Amino acid sequence: MADVWAEERDKAVLDIVYYCETCNVIIEPGDADISIHKKELPHHKMRRVMILRCSRCENIVTDSYAEYSPEKNQFWCKNCISEAGADSFRS
């Protein structure tokens, strides 16, 4: 049962990228720039960003614009949460 829960949640995660807030650049996983940033530019702010699909409207959003509902085992974008209401999202 735990495997089904994890698989369902992982379906919503389309990709994971890295974002350097200092350079304002997106870096793909496996790119050499990640190790350069971590070693040579430790003062840069690197963030791991998940690219998600909203389970309600199917739009593509980042993790900073979505929220996860453990009750529904789904990610919803902030637009859908505000349209449907927080109670609907949580139940």
N, C-alpha and C. Protein backbone atom coordinates (compact mmCIF):
# COMPACT_ATOMS: atom_id res chain seq x y z
N MET A 1 0.82 -1.19 0.00
CA MET A 1 0.00 0.00 0.00
C MET A 1 0.86 1.26 0.00
N ALA A 2 1.98 1.22 0.73
CA ALA A 2 2.88 2.37 0.77
C ALA A 2 3.49 2.63 -0.59
N ASP A 3 3.72 1.57 -1.36
CA ASP A 3 4.29 1.73 -2.69
C ASP A 3 3.33 2.46 -3.62
N VAL A 4 2.04 2.14 -3.51
CA VAL A 4 1.02 2.79 -4.34
C VAL A 4 0.95 4.27 -3.99
N TRP A 5 0.99 4.58 -2.71
CA TRP A 5 0.95 5.97 -2.26
C TRP A 5 2.13 6.75 -2.82
N ALA A 6 3.33 6.17 -2.72
CA ALA A 6 4.54 6.84 -3.20
C ALA A 6 4.52 6.98 -4.72
N GLU A 7 4.07 5.96 -5.42
CA GLU A 7 4.00 6.03 -6.88
C GLU A 7 3.04 7.11 -7.34
N GLU A 8 1.89 7.20 -6.68
CA GLU A 8 0.89 8.20 -7.03
C GLU A 8 1.43 9.61 -6.83
N ARG A 9 2.15 9.81 -5.74
CA ARG A 9 2.73 11.13 -5.45
C ARG A 9 3.84 11.45 -6.45
N ASP A 10 4.66 10.47 -6.78
CA ASP A 10 5.77 10.68 -7.71
C ASP A 10 5.30 10.97 -9.14
N LYS A 11 4.09 10.55 -9.50
CA LYS A 11 3.56 10.84 -10.84
C LYS A 11 3.41 12.33 -11.07
N ALA A 12 3.13 13.06 -10.00
CA ALA A 12 2.92 14.51 -10.12
C ALA A 12 4.25 15.26 -10.30
N VAL A 13 5.35 14.66 -9.88
CA VAL A 13 6.66 15.30 -10.01
C VAL A 13 7.20 15.00 -11.41
N LEU A 14 7.23 16.02 -12.25
CA LEU A 14 7.66 15.84 -13.63
C LEU A 14 9.18 15.92 -13.79
N ASP A 15 9.80 16.80 -13.01
CA ASP A 15 11.25 16.99 -13.13
C ASP A 15 11.77 17.70 -11.89
N ILE A 16 13.05 17.61 -11.67
CA ILE A 16 13.71 18.34 -10.61
C ILE A 16 14.89 19.08 -11.23
N VAL A 17 14.96 20.38 -11.00
CA VAL A 17 16.05 21.20 -11.52
C VAL A 17 16.65 21.98 -10.35
N TYR A 18 17.78 22.59 -10.60
CA TYR A 18 18.42 23.44 -9.61
C TYR A 18 18.39 24.88 -10.10
N TYR A 19 18.16 25.80 -9.18
CA TYR A 19 18.07 27.21 -9.52
C TYR A 19 19.06 27.99 -8.67
N CYS A 20 19.93 28.73 -9.31
CA CYS A 20 20.86 29.61 -8.61
C CYS A 20 20.23 30.99 -8.54
N GLU A 21 19.87 31.40 -7.33
CA GLU A 21 19.22 32.71 -7.15
C GLU A 21 20.18 33.86 -7.44
N THR A 22 21.46 33.66 -7.21
CA THR A 22 22.45 34.71 -7.45
C THR A 22 22.65 34.94 -8.93
N CYS A 23 22.79 33.87 -9.70
CA CYS A 23 23.00 33.98 -11.15
C CYS A 23 21.69 34.09 -11.92
N ASN A 24 20.58 33.74 -11.28
CA ASN A 24 19.27 33.70 -11.93
C ASN A 24 19.29 32.73 -13.11
N VAL A 25 19.78 31.52 -12.85
CA VAL A 25 19.92 30.52 -13.90
C VAL A 25 19.39 29.17 -13.40
N ILE A 26 18.77 28.42 -14.32
CA ILE A 26 18.29 27.07 -14.02
C ILE A 26 19.32 26.08 -14.53
N ILE A 27 19.65 25.11 -13.69
CA ILE A 27 20.67 24.11 -14.04
C ILE A 27 20.02 22.73 -13.97
N GLU A 28 20.16 21.97 -15.03
CA GLU A 28 19.61 20.62 -15.10
C GLU A 28 20.44 19.68 -14.22
N PRO A 29 19.80 18.67 -13.63
CA PRO A 29 20.56 17.66 -12.88
C PRO A 29 21.58 16.97 -13.79
N GLY A 30 22.74 16.70 -13.28
CA GLY A 30 23.79 16.07 -14.06
C GLY A 30 24.66 17.05 -14.83
N ASP A 31 24.27 18.32 -14.88
CA ASP A 31 25.05 19.35 -15.57
C ASP A 31 26.30 19.66 -14.74
N ALA A 32 27.39 19.92 -15.39
CA ALA A 32 28.65 20.21 -14.70
C ALA A 32 28.57 21.51 -13.89
N ASP A 33 27.69 22.41 -14.25
CA ASP A 33 27.55 23.67 -13.53
C ASP A 33 27.13 23.49 -12.07
N ILE A 34 26.44 22.40 -11.77
CA ILE A 34 26.04 22.16 -10.38
C ILE A 34 27.26 22.00 -9.50
N SER A 35 28.19 21.16 -9.91
CA SER A 35 29.38 20.95 -9.09
C SER A 35 30.26 22.20 -9.06
N ILE A 36 30.27 22.97 -10.15
CA ILE A 36 31.03 24.23 -10.16
C ILE A 36 30.44 25.19 -9.14
N HIS A 37 29.13 25.31 -9.14
CA HIS A 37 28.48 26.21 -8.20
C HIS A 37 28.71 25.78 -6.75
N LYS A 38 28.65 24.50 -6.49
CA LYS A 38 28.81 24.02 -5.11
C LYS A 38 30.24 24.18 -4.61
N LYS A 39 31.22 23.96 -5.49
CA LYS A 39 32.62 24.02 -5.07
C LYS A 39 33.23 25.41 -5.18
N GLU A 40 33.06 26.04 -6.33
CA GLU A 40 33.74 27.31 -6.60
C GLU A 40 32.94 28.54 -6.19
N LEU A 41 31.64 28.40 -6.08
CA LEU A 41 30.79 29.54 -5.74
C LEU A 41 29.89 29.21 -4.54
N PRO A 42 30.48 28.91 -3.39
CA PRO A 42 29.67 28.48 -2.24
C PRO A 42 28.76 29.57 -1.68
N HIS A 43 29.06 30.82 -2.00
CA HIS A 43 28.22 31.92 -1.52
C HIS A 43 26.94 32.09 -2.34
N HIS A 44 26.84 31.39 -3.47
CA HIS A 44 25.63 31.47 -4.30
C HIS A 44 24.51 30.66 -3.65
N LYS A 45 23.29 31.16 -3.78
CA LYS A 45 22.13 30.49 -3.21
C LYS A 45 21.55 29.52 -4.23
N MET A 46 21.77 28.24 -4.00
CA MET A 46 21.24 27.20 -4.88
C MET A 46 19.99 26.61 -4.26
N ARG A 47 18.97 26.43 -5.09
CA ARG A 47 17.71 25.86 -4.64
C ARG A 47 17.33 24.69 -5.53
N ARG A 48 16.83 23.62 -4.93
CA ARG A 48 16.31 22.50 -5.69
C ARG A 48 14.83 22.79 -5.93
N VAL A 49 14.39 22.72 -7.19
CA VAL A 49 13.02 23.07 -7.56
C VAL A 49 12.36 21.87 -8.24
N MET A 50 11.18 21.52 -7.75
CA MET A 50 10.41 20.44 -8.38
C MET A 50 9.42 21.06 -9.38
N ILE A 51 9.35 20.47 -10.56
CA ILE A 51 8.36 20.84 -11.55
C ILE A 51 7.21 19.85 -11.39
N LEU A 52 6.02 20.38 -11.09
CA LEU A 52 4.88 19.53 -10.73
C LEU A 52 3.71 19.73 -11.67
N ARG A 53 2.82 18.73 -11.68
CA ARG A 53 1.54 18.85 -12.39
C ARG A 53 0.44 18.92 -11.34
N CYS A 54 -0.37 19.97 -11.41
CA CYS A 54 -1.50 20.12 -10.50
C CYS A 54 -2.49 18.99 -10.77
N SER A 55 -2.90 18.28 -9.74
CA SER A 55 -3.82 17.16 -9.90
C SER A 55 -5.24 17.60 -10.23
N ARG A 56 -5.57 18.84 -9.94
CA ARG A 56 -6.93 19.32 -10.19
C ARG A 56 -7.08 19.91 -11.59
N CYS A 57 -6.20 20.86 -11.98
CA CYS A 57 -6.35 21.54 -13.28
C CYS A 57 -5.35 21.04 -14.32
N GLU A 58 -4.36 20.23 -13.88
CA GLU A 58 -3.35 19.65 -14.77
C GLU A 58 -2.33 20.67 -15.30
N ASN A 59 -2.31 21.88 -14.76
CA ASN A 59 -1.30 22.86 -15.15
C ASN A 59 0.07 22.47 -14.58
N ILE A 60 1.12 22.94 -15.23
CA ILE A 60 2.49 22.69 -14.77
C ILE A 60 2.92 23.88 -13.92
N VAL A 61 3.40 23.59 -12.70
CA VAL A 61 3.82 24.64 -11.76
C VAL A 61 5.08 24.19 -11.04
N THR A 62 5.72 25.12 -10.34
CA THR A 62 6.86 24.76 -9.50
C THR A 62 6.38 24.48 -8.08
N ASP A 63 7.23 23.86 -7.29
CA ASP A 63 6.85 23.51 -5.93
C ASP A 63 6.55 24.74 -5.06
N SER A 64 7.09 25.89 -5.41
CA SER A 64 6.81 27.09 -4.64
C SER A 64 5.41 27.64 -4.93
N TYR A 65 4.79 27.18 -6.00
CA TYR A 65 3.45 27.63 -6.36
C TYR A 65 2.42 26.51 -6.19
N ALA A 66 2.79 25.45 -5.49
CA ALA A 66 1.88 24.33 -5.26
C ALA A 66 1.95 23.89 -3.80
N GLU A 67 0.96 23.11 -3.43
CA GLU A 67 0.93 22.59 -2.07
C GLU A 67 0.52 21.13 -2.14
N TYR A 68 1.03 20.34 -1.21
CA TYR A 68 0.74 18.91 -1.19
C TYR A 68 -0.31 18.62 -0.12
N SER A 69 -1.32 17.84 -0.47
CA SER A 69 -2.34 17.41 0.47
C SER A 69 -2.13 15.95 0.82
N PRO A 70 -1.69 15.65 2.05
CA PRO A 70 -1.52 14.25 2.42
C PRO A 70 -2.86 13.49 2.45
N GLU A 71 -3.94 14.21 2.71
CA GLU A 71 -5.26 13.56 2.73
C GLU A 71 -5.65 13.05 1.35
N LYS A 72 -5.36 13.84 0.32
CA LYS A 72 -5.69 13.46 -1.06
C LYS A 72 -4.52 12.80 -1.78
N ASN A 73 -3.32 12.93 -1.20
CA ASN A 73 -2.09 12.44 -1.83
C ASN A 73 -1.92 13.08 -3.20
N GLN A 74 -2.12 14.42 -3.25
CA GLN A 74 -2.04 15.16 -4.51
C GLN A 74 -1.39 16.52 -4.28
N PHE A 75 -0.77 17.03 -5.37
CA PHE A 75 -0.32 18.42 -5.40
C PHE A 75 -1.38 19.24 -6.10
N TRP A 76 -1.72 20.40 -5.53
CA TRP A 76 -2.63 21.35 -6.16
C TRP A 76 -1.90 22.68 -6.27
N CYS A 77 -2.16 23.41 -7.36
CA CYS A 77 -1.60 24.75 -7.50
C CYS A 77 -2.38 25.71 -6.60
N LYS A 78 -1.80 26.86 -6.33
CA LYS A 78 -2.43 27.83 -5.44
C LYS A 78 -3.73 28.37 -6.02
N ASN A 79 -3.84 28.46 -7.34
CA ASN A 79 -5.09 28.91 -7.96
C ASN A 79 -6.23 27.95 -7.63
N CYS A 80 -5.98 26.66 -7.76
CA CYS A 80 -7.02 25.66 -7.48
C CYS A 80 -7.39 25.65 -6.01
N ILE A 81 -6.42 25.83 -5.13
CA ILE A 81 -6.71 25.86 -3.70
C ILE A 81 -7.61 27.04 -3.37
N SER A 82 -7.31 28.20 -3.97
CA SER A 82 -8.13 29.38 -3.68
C SER A 82 -9.52 29.26 -4.33
N GLU A 83 -9.61 28.64 -5.51
CA GLU A 83 -10.90 28.47 -6.16
C GLU A 83 -11.79 27.47 -5.41
N ALA A 84 -11.22 26.34 -5.03
CA ALA A 84 -12.00 25.28 -4.39
C ALA A 84 -12.14 25.50 -2.90
N GLY A 85 -11.22 26.25 -2.32
CA GLY A 85 -11.23 26.46 -0.89
C GLY A 85 -10.30 25.50 -0.17
N ALA A 86 -9.73 25.96 0.91
CA ALA A 86 -8.76 25.14 1.66
C ALA A 86 -9.41 23.90 2.25
N ASP A 87 -10.68 24.00 2.65
CA ASP A 87 -11.37 22.84 3.23
C ASP A 87 -11.53 21.73 2.20
N SER A 88 -11.85 22.09 0.99
CA SER A 88 -11.98 21.12 -0.09
C SER A 88 -10.63 20.47 -0.41
N PHE A 89 -9.57 21.26 -0.34
CA PHE A 89 -8.22 20.76 -0.61
C PHE A 89 -7.77 19.79 0.47
N ARG A 90 -8.10 20.06 1.70
CA ARG A 90 -7.65 19.23 2.83
C ARG A 90 -8.51 18.00 3.10
N SER A 91 -9.71 17.95 2.54
CA SER A 91 -10.57 16.81 2.87
C SER A 91 -10.62 15.79 1.76
